[in-house]
Amino acid sequence: MADLFDTFEFPLLTAGVDEVGRGPLAGDVVTAAVILDPDKPIVGLNDSKKLTEKKRLALFDEIREKALSYSIARASIDEIDSLNILQASLLAMKRAVEALPVQPKYVLVDGNRLPKWQYPAQAVVKGDSLHPCIGAASILAKVTRDAEMDALAEQYPEYGFASHKGYPTKVHLNALREHGITPFHRRSYAPVRKIVEELS
């Protein structure tokens, strides 16, 4: 299924776009945009969540080496809190596409919503499993964000960021209750907002 490359259905310069980090209580939402090179095929592209960490890391390097064009962008914690996570994610996607060194003729976006932009585009539910370019974007975004959460774990070891990547696991929620919030937590998210209210 993932071997049906974009060039059969879409223009050659088709970018895939995906985001990582809507659900976590901490950290930026990270997006990536990728235009694959049909002359340099990459085997194994898929939804990043369906791949092992070892496979993601290997593909991360291969995508950056072989892609015709790629970029990684984000929306900050402050933007998430002020805009809401959906609008922040769409903003980050827009930034990723606009930052591509080679601009696309068409854009495939994972999900069911499109950013406000001038690009001809299509939203594709579960697109990271259906289109290799979106799968490649999901890998770049996830590896990038995971590395940032690992770095945050070194700064705040008591929160366990390396294991849950900021998602609201039992470990994370218990740490919030015991230690309070960090500057990297999203205050607009209910579990974090509740802790803030309890401590105020």
N, C-alpha and C. Protein backbone atom coordinates (compact mmCIF):
# COMPACT_ATOMS: atom_id res chain seq x y z
N MET A 1 0.84 -1.21 0.00
CA MET A 1 0.00 0.00 0.00
C MET A 1 0.87 1.25 0.00
N ALA A 2 1.87 1.27 0.85
CA ALA A 2 2.74 2.44 0.95
C ALA A 2 3.73 2.52 -0.20
N ASP A 3 3.73 1.49 -1.10
CA ASP A 3 4.67 1.51 -2.22
C ASP A 3 4.08 2.21 -3.44
N LEU A 4 2.81 2.61 -3.39
CA LEU A 4 2.21 3.36 -4.48
C LEU A 4 2.62 4.82 -4.34
N PHE A 5 3.68 5.19 -5.04
CA PHE A 5 4.27 6.50 -4.80
C PHE A 5 3.43 7.62 -5.38
N ASP A 6 3.61 8.79 -4.82
CA ASP A 6 2.78 9.95 -5.12
C ASP A 6 2.74 10.29 -6.60
N THR A 7 3.80 10.00 -7.33
CA THR A 7 3.89 10.43 -8.72
C THR A 7 2.82 9.78 -9.59
N PHE A 8 2.21 8.67 -9.15
CA PHE A 8 1.17 8.03 -9.93
C PHE A 8 -0.15 8.80 -9.84
N GLU A 9 -0.36 9.51 -8.73
CA GLU A 9 -1.64 10.18 -8.51
C GLU A 9 -1.51 11.70 -8.38
N PHE A 10 -0.37 12.16 -8.01
CA PHE A 10 -0.19 13.57 -7.70
C PHE A 10 1.01 14.13 -8.46
N PRO A 11 1.12 15.45 -8.54
CA PRO A 11 2.28 16.05 -9.21
C PRO A 11 3.59 15.60 -8.58
N LEU A 12 4.64 15.69 -9.36
CA LEU A 12 5.96 15.26 -8.90
C LEU A 12 6.35 15.95 -7.60
N LEU A 13 6.17 17.27 -7.54
CA LEU A 13 6.56 18.01 -6.34
C LEU A 13 5.41 18.03 -5.33
N THR A 14 5.09 16.85 -4.81
CA THR A 14 4.05 16.72 -3.80
C THR A 14 4.71 16.60 -2.43
N ALA A 15 4.32 17.48 -1.53
CA ALA A 15 4.85 17.44 -0.16
C ALA A 15 3.88 16.71 0.75
N GLY A 16 4.43 15.89 1.63
CA GLY A 16 3.65 15.29 2.70
C GLY A 16 3.89 16.06 3.99
N VAL A 17 2.85 16.25 4.78
CA VAL A 17 2.96 17.03 6.01
C VAL A 17 2.31 16.27 7.16
N ASP A 18 2.96 16.27 8.30
CA ASP A 18 2.39 15.64 9.49
C ASP A 18 2.87 16.36 10.73
N GLU A 19 2.14 16.15 11.83
CA GLU A 19 2.51 16.75 13.10
C GLU A 19 2.65 15.68 14.16
N VAL A 20 3.40 16.02 15.19
CA VAL A 20 3.54 15.14 16.35
C VAL A 20 3.42 16.01 17.60
N GLY A 21 2.62 15.57 18.56
CA GLY A 21 2.59 16.27 19.83
C GLY A 21 1.31 17.00 20.15
N ARG A 22 0.18 16.57 19.61
CA ARG A 22 -1.08 17.22 19.99
C ARG A 22 -1.51 16.82 21.40
N GLY A 23 -1.31 15.57 21.76
CA GLY A 23 -1.82 15.05 23.01
C GLY A 23 -1.01 15.32 24.26
N PRO A 24 0.31 15.50 24.16
CA PRO A 24 1.12 15.68 25.36
C PRO A 24 0.76 16.92 26.16
N LEU A 25 1.12 16.89 27.43
CA LEU A 25 0.88 18.02 28.33
C LEU A 25 2.04 19.01 28.32
N ALA A 26 3.14 18.64 27.66
CA ALA A 26 4.34 19.48 27.69
C ALA A 26 5.01 19.49 26.33
N GLY A 27 5.75 20.55 26.08
CA GLY A 27 6.55 20.65 24.87
C GLY A 27 5.82 21.26 23.70
N ASP A 28 6.58 21.63 22.67
CA ASP A 28 6.03 22.19 21.45
C ASP A 28 5.32 21.11 20.64
N VAL A 29 4.46 21.53 19.73
CA VAL A 29 3.96 20.63 18.70
C VAL A 29 4.90 20.78 17.50
N VAL A 30 5.38 19.66 16.98
CA VAL A 30 6.40 19.66 15.93
C VAL A 30 5.81 19.12 14.64
N THR A 31 6.10 19.78 13.54
CA THR A 31 5.62 19.34 12.24
C THR A 31 6.79 19.18 11.28
N ALA A 32 6.55 18.43 10.21
CA ALA A 32 7.55 18.29 9.16
C ALA A 32 6.85 18.24 7.81
N ALA A 33 7.55 18.67 6.79
CA ALA A 33 7.09 18.58 5.41
C ALA A 33 8.20 17.93 4.59
N VAL A 34 7.83 17.01 3.71
CA VAL A 34 8.82 16.27 2.94
C VAL A 34 8.36 16.11 1.49
N ILE A 35 9.24 16.41 0.56
CA ILE A 35 9.05 16.06 -0.85
C ILE A 35 10.05 14.97 -1.17
N LEU A 36 9.55 13.79 -1.48
CA LEU A 36 10.45 12.68 -1.79
C LEU A 36 10.99 12.77 -3.21
N ASP A 37 12.14 12.16 -3.42
CA ASP A 37 12.77 12.08 -4.74
C ASP A 37 12.47 10.71 -5.32
N PRO A 38 11.68 10.62 -6.41
CA PRO A 38 11.34 9.31 -6.98
C PRO A 38 12.55 8.54 -7.47
N ASP A 39 13.65 9.24 -7.70
CA ASP A 39 14.88 8.57 -8.15
C ASP A 39 15.69 8.01 -6.99
N LYS A 40 15.26 8.32 -5.77
CA LYS A 40 15.95 7.81 -4.57
C LYS A 40 14.92 7.23 -3.61
N PRO A 41 14.34 6.08 -3.96
CA PRO A 41 13.28 5.50 -3.12
C PRO A 41 13.78 5.12 -1.73
N ILE A 42 12.88 5.23 -0.78
CA ILE A 42 13.18 4.88 0.62
C ILE A 42 12.22 3.78 1.03
N VAL A 43 12.76 2.65 1.42
CA VAL A 43 11.96 1.49 1.78
C VAL A 43 11.54 1.57 3.25
N GLY A 44 10.28 1.26 3.52
CA GLY A 44 9.84 1.15 4.91
C GLY A 44 9.15 2.36 5.48
N LEU A 45 8.85 3.36 4.66
CA LEU A 45 8.16 4.54 5.17
C LEU A 45 6.75 4.18 5.62
N ASN A 46 6.37 4.70 6.78
CA ASN A 46 5.07 4.37 7.35
C ASN A 46 4.77 5.36 8.46
N ASP A 47 3.60 5.23 9.05
CA ASP A 47 3.26 5.99 10.24
C ASP A 47 4.35 5.76 11.28
N SER A 48 4.94 6.83 11.78
CA SER A 48 6.08 6.71 12.69
C SER A 48 5.74 5.90 13.94
N LYS A 49 4.47 5.94 14.37
CA LYS A 49 4.07 5.22 15.57
C LYS A 49 4.08 3.71 15.36
N LYS A 50 4.08 3.27 14.10
CA LYS A 50 4.08 1.84 13.80
C LYS A 50 5.50 1.28 13.64
N LEU A 51 6.49 2.13 13.79
CA LEU A 51 7.89 1.73 13.61
C LEU A 51 8.59 1.67 14.95
N THR A 52 9.61 0.83 15.03
CA THR A 52 10.44 0.81 16.24
C THR A 52 11.30 2.06 16.28
N GLU A 53 11.77 2.38 17.46
CA GLU A 53 12.64 3.55 17.59
C GLU A 53 13.88 3.40 16.72
N LYS A 54 14.45 2.20 16.69
CA LYS A 54 15.65 1.97 15.88
C LYS A 54 15.37 2.22 14.40
N LYS A 55 14.22 1.76 13.92
CA LYS A 55 13.86 1.94 12.52
C LYS A 55 13.60 3.41 12.23
N ARG A 56 12.92 4.10 13.15
CA ARG A 56 12.66 5.53 12.95
C ARG A 56 13.96 6.31 12.83
N LEU A 57 14.91 6.01 13.69
CA LEU A 57 16.18 6.74 13.67
C LEU A 57 16.93 6.50 12.37
N ALA A 58 16.90 5.26 11.88
CA ALA A 58 17.58 4.95 10.61
C ALA A 58 16.90 5.67 9.45
N LEU A 59 15.56 5.67 9.45
CA LEU A 59 14.83 6.34 8.38
C LEU A 59 14.97 7.85 8.47
N PHE A 60 15.08 8.38 9.68
CA PHE A 60 15.28 9.82 9.87
C PHE A 60 16.50 10.29 9.09
N ASP A 61 17.60 9.57 9.23
CA ASP A 61 18.83 9.93 8.52
C ASP A 61 18.67 9.72 7.02
N GLU A 62 18.01 8.64 6.63
CA GLU A 62 17.86 8.35 5.20
C GLU A 62 16.96 9.37 4.51
N ILE A 63 15.89 9.78 5.19
CA ILE A 63 14.99 10.79 4.62
C ILE A 63 15.74 12.10 4.39
N ARG A 64 16.49 12.53 5.38
CA ARG A 64 17.22 13.79 5.25
C ARG A 64 18.27 13.70 4.15
N GLU A 65 18.82 12.51 3.93
CA GLU A 65 19.84 12.33 2.89
C GLU A 65 19.23 12.27 1.49
N LYS A 66 18.07 11.62 1.36
CA LYS A 66 17.53 11.32 0.04
C LYS A 66 16.37 12.22 -0.41
N ALA A 67 15.71 12.86 0.50
CA ALA A 67 14.54 13.66 0.12
C ALA A 67 14.93 14.79 -0.82
N LEU A 68 14.03 15.11 -1.72
CA LEU A 68 14.25 16.25 -2.61
C LEU A 68 14.22 17.55 -1.82
N SER A 69 13.37 17.58 -0.80
CA SER A 69 13.27 18.77 0.06
C SER A 69 12.57 18.38 1.35
N TYR A 70 13.00 18.97 2.46
CA TYR A 70 12.32 18.73 3.73
C TYR A 70 12.51 19.92 4.65
N SER A 71 11.60 20.04 5.60
CA SER A 71 11.75 21.07 6.63
C SER A 71 11.03 20.60 7.89
N ILE A 72 11.46 21.13 9.01
CA ILE A 72 10.86 20.82 10.30
C ILE A 72 10.49 22.15 10.96
N ALA A 73 9.27 22.23 11.47
CA ALA A 73 8.79 23.47 12.08
C ALA A 73 8.04 23.14 13.36
N ARG A 74 7.50 24.17 14.01
CA ARG A 74 6.86 23.95 15.29
C ARG A 74 5.93 25.10 15.64
N ALA A 75 5.09 24.85 16.62
CA ALA A 75 4.38 25.92 17.31
C ALA A 75 4.75 25.79 18.78
N SER A 76 4.98 26.90 19.41
CA SER A 76 5.48 26.93 20.78
C SER A 76 4.39 26.63 21.80
N ILE A 77 4.82 26.40 23.02
CA ILE A 77 3.89 26.18 24.13
C ILE A 77 2.98 27.40 24.30
N ASP A 78 3.53 28.59 24.21
CA ASP A 78 2.72 29.81 24.34
C ASP A 78 1.68 29.89 23.23
N GLU A 79 2.07 29.50 22.02
CA GLU A 79 1.12 29.53 20.90
C GLU A 79 0.03 28.49 21.09
N ILE A 80 0.39 27.33 21.60
CA ILE A 80 -0.61 26.30 21.90
C ILE A 80 -1.62 26.81 22.92
N ASP A 81 -1.11 27.45 23.96
CA ASP A 81 -2.00 27.95 25.02
C ASP A 81 -2.87 29.12 24.55
N SER A 82 -2.37 29.92 23.65
CA SER A 82 -3.14 31.10 23.22
C SER A 82 -4.07 30.79 22.05
N LEU A 83 -3.67 29.88 21.17
CA LEU A 83 -4.47 29.61 19.97
C LEU A 83 -5.39 28.42 20.11
N ASN A 84 -5.00 27.42 20.88
CA ASN A 84 -5.53 26.07 21.05
C ASN A 84 -4.68 25.12 20.20
N ILE A 85 -4.70 23.86 20.54
CA ILE A 85 -3.76 22.92 19.93
C ILE A 85 -4.05 22.70 18.45
N LEU A 86 -5.31 22.71 18.04
CA LEU A 86 -5.61 22.51 16.62
C LEU A 86 -5.04 23.64 15.79
N GLN A 87 -5.33 24.87 16.18
CA GLN A 87 -4.84 26.02 15.40
C GLN A 87 -3.32 26.12 15.45
N ALA A 88 -2.72 25.77 16.58
CA ALA A 88 -1.26 25.78 16.67
C ALA A 88 -0.65 24.73 15.76
N SER A 89 -1.29 23.56 15.69
CA SER A 89 -0.79 22.50 14.81
C SER A 89 -0.88 22.92 13.35
N LEU A 90 -1.99 23.53 12.96
CA LEU A 90 -2.15 23.99 11.58
C LEU A 90 -1.13 25.09 11.25
N LEU A 91 -0.87 25.96 12.21
CA LEU A 91 0.14 27.00 12.02
C LEU A 91 1.51 26.38 11.81
N ALA A 92 1.85 25.39 12.61
CA ALA A 92 3.14 24.73 12.48
C ALA A 92 3.27 24.01 11.14
N MET A 93 2.18 23.42 10.67
CA MET A 93 2.19 22.77 9.35
C MET A 93 2.44 23.81 8.25
N LYS A 94 1.78 24.93 8.35
CA LYS A 94 1.97 26.01 7.38
C LYS A 94 3.42 26.46 7.37
N ARG A 95 4.00 26.60 8.54
CA ARG A 95 5.40 27.01 8.62
C ARG A 95 6.32 25.99 7.97
N ALA A 96 6.02 24.70 8.17
CA ALA A 96 6.87 23.65 7.61
C ALA A 96 6.85 23.70 6.08
N VAL A 97 5.67 23.85 5.49
CA VAL A 97 5.58 23.88 4.03
C VAL A 97 6.23 25.13 3.47
N GLU A 98 5.98 26.25 4.11
CA GLU A 98 6.56 27.51 3.62
C GLU A 98 8.08 27.51 3.72
N ALA A 99 8.62 26.71 4.63
CA ALA A 99 10.08 26.66 4.82
C ALA A 99 10.78 25.68 3.88
N LEU A 100 10.04 24.91 3.10
CA LEU A 100 10.67 23.95 2.19
C LEU A 100 11.58 24.68 1.20
N PRO A 101 12.83 24.28 1.07
CA PRO A 101 13.73 24.92 0.10
C PRO A 101 13.23 24.78 -1.34
N VAL A 102 12.62 23.64 -1.64
CA VAL A 102 11.94 23.43 -2.92
C VAL A 102 10.44 23.48 -2.63
N GLN A 103 9.75 24.41 -3.24
CA GLN A 103 8.33 24.56 -2.94
C GLN A 103 7.47 23.55 -3.71
N PRO A 104 6.44 23.03 -3.07
CA PRO A 104 5.63 21.98 -3.69
C PRO A 104 4.58 22.51 -4.66
N LYS A 105 4.16 21.63 -5.55
CA LYS A 105 3.04 21.91 -6.45
C LYS A 105 1.71 21.47 -5.81
N TYR A 106 1.83 20.54 -4.85
CA TYR A 106 0.65 19.97 -4.20
C TYR A 106 1.07 19.52 -2.81
N VAL A 107 0.11 19.52 -1.87
CA VAL A 107 0.43 19.13 -0.50
C VAL A 107 -0.60 18.12 0.01
N LEU A 108 -0.09 17.05 0.61
CA LEU A 108 -0.93 16.06 1.28
C LEU A 108 -0.72 16.20 2.79
N VAL A 109 -1.80 16.43 3.51
CA VAL A 109 -1.73 16.69 4.95
C VAL A 109 -2.40 15.55 5.71
N ASP A 110 -1.71 15.02 6.70
CA ASP A 110 -2.31 13.97 7.51
C ASP A 110 -3.44 14.55 8.36
N GLY A 111 -4.58 13.86 8.39
CA GLY A 111 -5.69 14.32 9.21
C GLY A 111 -6.89 14.74 8.38
N ASN A 112 -7.74 15.54 8.97
CA ASN A 112 -8.97 15.96 8.28
C ASN A 112 -9.13 17.47 8.17
N ARG A 113 -8.06 18.21 8.46
CA ARG A 113 -8.11 19.67 8.38
C ARG A 113 -6.89 20.18 7.63
N LEU A 114 -7.09 21.27 6.89
CA LEU A 114 -5.99 21.91 6.17
C LEU A 114 -5.69 23.27 6.76
N PRO A 115 -4.42 23.66 6.80
CA PRO A 115 -4.09 25.03 7.19
C PRO A 115 -4.66 26.03 6.18
N LYS A 116 -4.73 27.29 6.57
CA LYS A 116 -5.13 28.35 5.65
C LYS A 116 -3.90 28.77 4.85
N TRP A 117 -3.87 28.37 3.60
CA TRP A 117 -2.74 28.69 2.72
C TRP A 117 -3.19 28.69 1.28
N GLN A 118 -2.27 28.97 0.37
CA GLN A 118 -2.60 29.07 -1.06
C GLN A 118 -2.23 27.80 -1.83
N TYR A 119 -1.70 26.80 -1.14
CA TYR A 119 -1.26 25.58 -1.83
C TYR A 119 -2.45 24.69 -2.20
N PRO A 120 -2.47 24.14 -3.42
CA PRO A 120 -3.43 23.07 -3.70
C PRO A 120 -3.13 21.91 -2.75
N ALA A 121 -4.13 21.41 -2.06
CA ALA A 121 -3.84 20.44 -0.99
C ALA A 121 -5.04 19.53 -0.74
N GLN A 122 -4.74 18.45 -0.07
CA GLN A 122 -5.76 17.47 0.32
C GLN A 122 -5.44 16.96 1.71
N ALA A 123 -6.44 16.89 2.58
CA ALA A 123 -6.29 16.27 3.89
C ALA A 123 -6.62 14.79 3.77
N VAL A 124 -5.79 13.95 4.37
CA VAL A 124 -5.95 12.50 4.24
C VAL A 124 -5.93 11.88 5.64
N VAL A 125 -7.06 11.33 6.06
CA VAL A 125 -7.12 10.65 7.35
C VAL A 125 -6.24 9.40 7.30
N LYS A 126 -5.39 9.24 8.31
CA LYS A 126 -4.42 8.16 8.37
C LYS A 126 -3.48 8.18 7.17
N GLY A 127 -3.21 9.39 6.69
CA GLY A 127 -2.36 9.55 5.52
C GLY A 127 -0.93 9.09 5.73
N ASP A 128 -0.48 9.07 7.00
CA ASP A 128 0.90 8.65 7.26
C ASP A 128 1.10 7.16 6.97
N SER A 129 0.00 6.40 6.90
CA SER A 129 0.10 4.99 6.52
C SER A 129 -0.18 4.78 5.03
N LEU A 130 -0.76 5.79 4.38
CA LEU A 130 -1.19 5.64 2.99
C LEU A 130 -0.24 6.26 1.97
N HIS A 131 0.43 7.33 2.35
CA HIS A 131 1.30 8.04 1.42
C HIS A 131 2.71 8.14 1.99
N PRO A 132 3.70 7.64 1.27
CA PRO A 132 5.07 7.65 1.77
C PRO A 132 5.58 9.03 2.17
N CYS A 133 5.16 10.08 1.44
CA CYS A 133 5.67 11.41 1.78
C CYS A 133 5.15 11.87 3.14
N ILE A 134 3.90 11.51 3.47
CA ILE A 134 3.37 11.86 4.79
C ILE A 134 4.04 11.00 5.86
N GLY A 135 4.25 9.72 5.56
CA GLY A 135 4.97 8.85 6.50
C GLY A 135 6.35 9.40 6.80
N ALA A 136 7.03 9.88 5.77
CA ALA A 136 8.37 10.46 5.97
C ALA A 136 8.29 11.68 6.87
N ALA A 137 7.27 12.52 6.67
CA ALA A 137 7.10 13.70 7.51
C ALA A 137 6.83 13.31 8.96
N SER A 138 6.03 12.28 9.16
CA SER A 138 5.73 11.86 10.53
C SER A 138 6.98 11.36 11.24
N ILE A 139 7.86 10.71 10.51
CA ILE A 139 9.12 10.21 11.10
C ILE A 139 10.02 11.37 11.50
N LEU A 140 10.18 12.35 10.60
CA LEU A 140 11.03 13.50 10.94
C LEU A 140 10.49 14.24 12.16
N ALA A 141 9.16 14.42 12.19
CA ALA A 141 8.57 15.17 13.30
C ALA A 141 8.71 14.40 14.62
N LYS A 142 8.44 13.11 14.59
CA LYS A 142 8.47 12.33 15.84
C LYS A 142 9.89 12.20 16.38
N VAL A 143 10.85 11.89 15.53
CA VAL A 143 12.22 11.75 16.01
C VAL A 143 12.72 13.07 16.60
N THR A 144 12.37 14.17 15.94
CA THR A 144 12.78 15.49 16.43
C THR A 144 12.16 15.78 17.79
N ARG A 145 10.85 15.56 17.92
CA ARG A 145 10.18 15.88 19.18
C ARG A 145 10.62 14.93 20.30
N ASP A 146 10.78 13.65 19.98
CA ASP A 146 11.24 12.70 21.00
C ASP A 146 12.59 13.10 21.56
N ALA A 147 13.49 13.55 20.68
CA ALA A 147 14.82 13.98 21.13
C ALA A 147 14.72 15.18 22.05
N GLU A 148 13.80 16.08 21.75
CA GLU A 148 13.62 17.26 22.61
C GLU A 148 13.08 16.86 23.98
N MET A 149 12.18 15.88 24.00
CA MET A 149 11.65 15.44 25.29
C MET A 149 12.70 14.66 26.08
N ASP A 150 13.57 13.95 25.39
CA ASP A 150 14.68 13.28 26.08
C ASP A 150 15.61 14.30 26.73
N ALA A 151 15.85 15.39 26.02
CA ALA A 151 16.68 16.46 26.58
C ALA A 151 16.00 17.12 27.77
N LEU A 152 14.68 17.26 27.69
CA LEU A 152 13.92 17.83 28.80
C LEU A 152 13.97 16.91 30.01
N ALA A 153 14.05 15.60 29.75
CA ALA A 153 14.13 14.63 30.85
C ALA A 153 15.41 14.81 31.65
N GLU A 154 16.48 15.21 31.00
CA GLU A 154 17.73 15.45 31.70
C GLU A 154 17.64 16.71 32.57
N GLN A 155 16.87 17.67 32.10
CA GLN A 155 16.71 18.92 32.84
C GLN A 155 15.74 18.76 34.02
N TYR A 156 14.72 17.91 33.81
CA TYR A 156 13.70 17.68 34.84
C TYR A 156 13.52 16.17 35.04
N PRO A 157 14.48 15.50 35.63
CA PRO A 157 14.44 14.04 35.72
C PRO A 157 13.26 13.48 36.51
N GLU A 158 12.71 14.28 37.41
CA GLU A 158 11.63 13.78 38.27
C GLU A 158 10.31 13.58 37.52
N TYR A 159 10.21 14.09 36.28
CA TYR A 159 8.94 13.99 35.55
C TYR A 159 8.86 12.78 34.62
N GLY A 160 9.97 12.15 34.31
CA GLY A 160 9.93 10.96 33.46
C GLY A 160 9.66 11.22 31.99
N PHE A 161 10.05 12.41 31.50
CA PHE A 161 9.75 12.76 30.11
C PHE A 161 10.30 11.77 29.09
N ALA A 162 11.41 11.13 29.39
CA ALA A 162 12.02 10.21 28.43
C ALA A 162 11.12 9.02 28.15
N SER A 163 10.33 8.62 29.13
CA SER A 163 9.49 7.43 28.94
C SER A 163 8.13 7.77 28.33
N HIS A 164 7.53 8.90 28.73
CA HIS A 164 6.18 9.18 28.24
C HIS A 164 6.11 10.32 27.23
N LYS A 165 7.23 10.99 26.99
CA LYS A 165 7.31 12.07 26.00
C LYS A 165 6.29 13.19 26.23
N GLY A 166 5.86 13.35 27.47
CA GLY A 166 4.94 14.43 27.79
C GLY A 166 3.48 14.04 27.80
N TYR A 167 3.16 12.82 27.41
CA TYR A 167 1.76 12.38 27.41
C TYR A 167 1.26 12.21 28.86
N PRO A 168 -0.06 12.29 29.05
CA PRO A 168 -0.60 12.24 30.41
C PRO A 168 -0.69 10.84 30.99
N THR A 169 0.44 10.20 31.17
CA THR A 169 0.48 8.89 31.80
C THR A 169 0.32 9.04 33.32
N LYS A 170 0.12 7.93 33.99
CA LYS A 170 -0.01 7.96 35.45
C LYS A 170 1.25 8.52 36.10
N VAL A 171 2.41 8.12 35.58
CA VAL A 171 3.69 8.61 36.10
C VAL A 171 3.77 10.13 35.97
N HIS A 172 3.38 10.63 34.80
CA HIS A 172 3.46 12.07 34.54
C HIS A 172 2.48 12.84 35.44
N LEU A 173 1.27 12.34 35.55
CA LEU A 173 0.27 13.03 36.37
C LEU A 173 0.66 13.04 37.84
N ASN A 174 1.22 11.94 38.31
CA ASN A 174 1.70 11.88 39.70
C ASN A 174 2.83 12.87 39.93
N ALA A 175 3.73 12.98 38.93
CA ALA A 175 4.84 13.93 39.05
C ALA A 175 4.33 15.36 39.09
N LEU A 176 3.30 15.65 38.29
CA LEU A 176 2.72 16.99 38.31
C LEU A 176 2.15 17.33 39.69
N ARG A 177 1.47 16.36 40.28
CA ARG A 177 0.88 16.60 41.61
C ARG A 177 1.97 16.80 42.68
N GLU A 178 3.06 16.06 42.52
CA GLU A 178 4.11 16.10 43.54
C GLU A 178 5.04 17.30 43.36
N HIS A 179 5.36 17.63 42.11
CA HIS A 179 6.39 18.64 41.85
C HIS A 179 5.86 19.93 41.22
N GLY A 180 4.59 19.94 40.84
CA GLY A 180 4.06 21.12 40.17
C GLY A 180 4.42 21.13 38.70
N ILE A 181 4.20 22.26 38.05
CA ILE A 181 4.44 22.32 36.60
C ILE A 181 5.78 22.98 36.30
N THR A 182 6.28 22.72 35.10
CA THR A 182 7.51 23.35 34.62
C THR A 182 7.14 24.44 33.61
N PRO A 183 8.11 25.24 33.19
CA PRO A 183 7.82 26.23 32.13
C PRO A 183 7.47 25.58 30.80
N PHE A 184 7.67 24.27 30.68
CA PHE A 184 7.43 23.57 29.42
C PHE A 184 6.06 22.89 29.38
N HIS A 185 5.27 23.04 30.42
CA HIS A 185 3.93 22.45 30.44
C HIS A 185 2.92 23.41 29.80
N ARG A 186 1.91 22.80 29.17
CA ARG A 186 0.86 23.56 28.50
C ARG A 186 -0.24 23.89 29.51
N ARG A 187 -0.30 25.13 29.90
CA ARG A 187 -1.21 25.54 30.97
C ARG A 187 -2.69 25.47 30.55
N SER A 188 -2.96 25.45 29.26
CA SER A 188 -4.34 25.40 28.80
C SER A 188 -4.92 23.99 28.85
N TYR A 189 -4.07 22.97 29.03
CA TYR A 189 -4.54 21.59 29.08
C TYR A 189 -5.11 21.30 30.47
N ALA A 190 -6.25 20.62 30.51
CA ALA A 190 -7.00 20.45 31.76
C ALA A 190 -6.18 19.89 32.92
N PRO A 191 -5.39 18.81 32.74
CA PRO A 191 -4.64 18.29 33.90
C PRO A 191 -3.62 19.29 34.44
N VAL A 192 -3.02 20.07 33.55
CA VAL A 192 -2.04 21.07 34.00
C VAL A 192 -2.77 22.25 34.64
N ARG A 193 -3.86 22.68 34.00
CA ARG A 193 -4.64 23.80 34.55
C ARG A 193 -5.14 23.48 35.95
N LYS A 194 -5.54 22.23 36.16
CA LYS A 194 -6.03 21.82 37.47
C LYS A 194 -4.93 21.95 38.52
N ILE A 195 -3.71 21.54 38.18
CA ILE A 195 -2.59 21.65 39.12
C ILE A 195 -2.31 23.12 39.42
N VAL A 196 -2.34 23.96 38.40
CA VAL A 196 -2.11 25.39 38.59
C VAL A 196 -3.15 25.98 39.55
N GLU A 197 -4.41 25.59 39.34
CA GLU A 197 -5.48 26.11 40.19
C GLU A 197 -5.33 25.64 41.63
N GLU A 198 -4.90 24.39 41.81
CA GLU A 198 -4.73 23.84 43.15
C GLU A 198 -3.59 24.52 43.89
N LEU A 199 -2.57 24.94 43.14
CA LEU A 199 -1.39 25.56 43.76
C LEU A 199 -1.53 27.06 43.93
N SER A 200 -2.53 27.63 43.30
CA SER A 200 -2.67 29.10 43.36
C SER A 200 -3.50 29.52 44.57
